[in-house]
Amino acid sequence: MPADAPVLEPEVLEETRTRLSPRWKVLLLNDDVSTFDFVIQLLVTLFHKDHAEAARLTHEIHRTGSALITVTNRERAELYVEQVRSLARPRGFPLTATIEPE
């Protein structure tokens, strides 16, 4: 056996998996002050819903107390919550959005 024989290392296979960030649900909550017109307009402008979908969601919020508006990453969901508050409060509306994990 030669003394200069190369030492062979076993081959190591590494597996890389891409993890998707957890998804978060954005919900709008019912209140007794915010108008249907304001909520519909908010859904159209902020969440890019068409008018019919915005009206349907607004009625669902009114009837059941809340509605799922969108599912997105946590950072965007938190931004939506802040944007809803920032748009509603100056107009005197207590409209509230909340997030929860999907």
Protein backbone atom coordinates (compact mmCIF):
# COMPACT_ATOMS: atom_id res chain seq x y z
CA MET A 1 0.00 0.00 0.00
CA PRO A 2 1.57 3.31 -1.08
CA ALA A 3 2.08 5.91 1.61
CA ASP A 4 1.05 8.83 -0.64
CA ALA A 5 -2.43 7.55 -1.49
CA PRO A 6 -5.05 10.37 -1.48
CA VAL A 7 -7.62 10.37 1.30
CA LEU A 8 -11.11 10.40 -0.14
CA GLU A 9 -13.82 12.27 1.76
CA PRO A 10 -17.39 11.02 1.51
CA GLU A 11 -19.61 13.17 -0.67
CA VAL A 12 -22.01 15.35 1.30
CA LEU A 13 -25.29 16.33 -0.28
CA GLU A 14 -26.80 19.55 0.97
CA GLU A 15 -30.45 20.24 0.45
CA THR A 16 -31.63 23.80 0.28
CA ARG A 17 -35.27 24.58 0.85
CA THR A 18 -36.83 27.94 0.32
CA ARG A 19 -39.16 28.83 3.13
CA LEU A 20 -42.08 31.08 2.38
CA SER A 21 -42.90 33.72 4.92
CA PRO A 22 -46.05 33.00 6.91
CA ARG A 23 -49.23 34.52 5.52
CA TRP A 24 -51.49 36.86 7.51
CA LYS A 25 -55.19 37.57 7.13
CA VAL A 26 -56.34 41.19 7.14
CA LEU A 27 -59.84 41.60 8.61
CA LEU A 28 -62.04 44.68 8.80
CA LEU A 29 -64.22 44.95 11.89
CA ASN A 30 -67.73 46.37 12.12
CA ASP A 31 -68.53 49.53 14.04
CA ASP A 32 -71.67 51.63 14.40
CA VAL A 33 -70.18 54.86 13.03
CA SER A 34 -68.25 54.25 9.78
CA THR A 35 -70.50 54.73 6.77
CA PHE A 36 -71.04 52.16 4.06
CA ASP A 37 -69.82 54.71 1.51
CA PHE A 38 -66.54 55.24 3.37
CA VAL A 39 -65.87 51.52 3.82
CA ILE A 40 -66.66 50.77 0.18
CA GLN A 41 -64.40 53.60 -1.00
CA LEU A 42 -61.61 52.38 1.29
CA LEU A 43 -61.89 48.85 -0.08
CA VAL A 44 -61.76 50.15 -3.65
CA THR A 45 -58.84 52.53 -3.20
CA LEU A 46 -56.67 50.81 -0.59
CA PHE A 47 -57.35 47.14 -1.30
CA HIS A 48 -58.08 47.48 -5.05
CA LYS A 49 -61.45 45.72 -4.86
CA ASP A 50 -63.98 46.36 -7.58
CA HIS A 51 -67.11 48.20 -6.47
CA ALA A 52 -69.34 45.09 -6.37
CA GLU A 53 -66.84 43.13 -4.25
CA ALA A 54 -66.33 46.13 -1.96
CA ALA A 55 -70.10 46.44 -1.43
CA ARG A 56 -70.41 42.69 -0.75
CA LEU A 57 -67.58 42.82 1.81
CA THR A 58 -69.07 45.90 3.48
CA HIS A 59 -72.41 44.13 3.91
CA GLU A 60 -70.61 41.06 5.28
CA ILE A 61 -68.77 43.24 7.82
CA HIS A 62 -72.06 44.81 8.86
CA ARG A 63 -73.92 41.51 9.05
CA THR A 64 -71.29 39.25 10.71
CA GLY A 65 -69.03 41.71 12.51
CA SER A 66 -65.95 41.23 10.32
CA ALA A 67 -64.76 40.16 6.89
CA LEU A 68 -61.56 38.74 5.45
CA ILE A 69 -60.22 41.37 3.08
CA THR A 70 -56.89 39.94 1.93
CA VAL A 71 -54.09 37.53 2.82
CA THR A 72 -50.52 38.79 2.59
CA ASN A 73 -47.17 38.80 4.36
CA ARG A 74 -46.95 40.20 7.89
CA GLU A 75 -45.23 43.45 6.96
CA ARG A 76 -47.86 44.32 4.35
CA ALA A 77 -50.70 43.26 6.68
CA GLU A 78 -49.40 45.56 9.43
CA LEU A 79 -49.14 48.38 6.89
CA TYR A 80 -52.78 47.84 5.86
CA VAL A 81 -53.86 48.07 9.53
CA GLU A 82 -52.04 51.39 9.90
CA GLN A 83 -53.39 52.73 6.60
CA VAL A 84 -56.98 51.92 7.58
CA ARG A 85 -56.51 53.75 10.88
CA SER A 86 -54.77 56.69 9.20
CA LEU A 87 -57.56 57.10 6.65
CA ALA A 88 -60.48 56.57 9.05
CA ARG A 89 -59.52 58.60 12.12
CA PRO A 90 -59.22 62.04 10.47
CA ARG A 91 -62.73 61.52 9.08
CA GLY A 92 -64.10 60.65 12.52
CA PHE A 93 -64.57 56.94 11.81
CA PRO A 94 -63.44 54.26 14.28
CA LEU A 95 -63.03 51.66 11.50
CA THR A 96 -60.52 49.07 12.62
CA ALA A 97 -58.52 46.42 10.78
CA THR A 98 -56.78 43.55 12.48
CA ILE A 99 -54.48 40.75 11.39
CA GLU A 100 -54.17 37.11 12.33
CA PRO A 101 -52.03 34.26 11.04
CA GLU A 102 -53.50 32.21 8.24
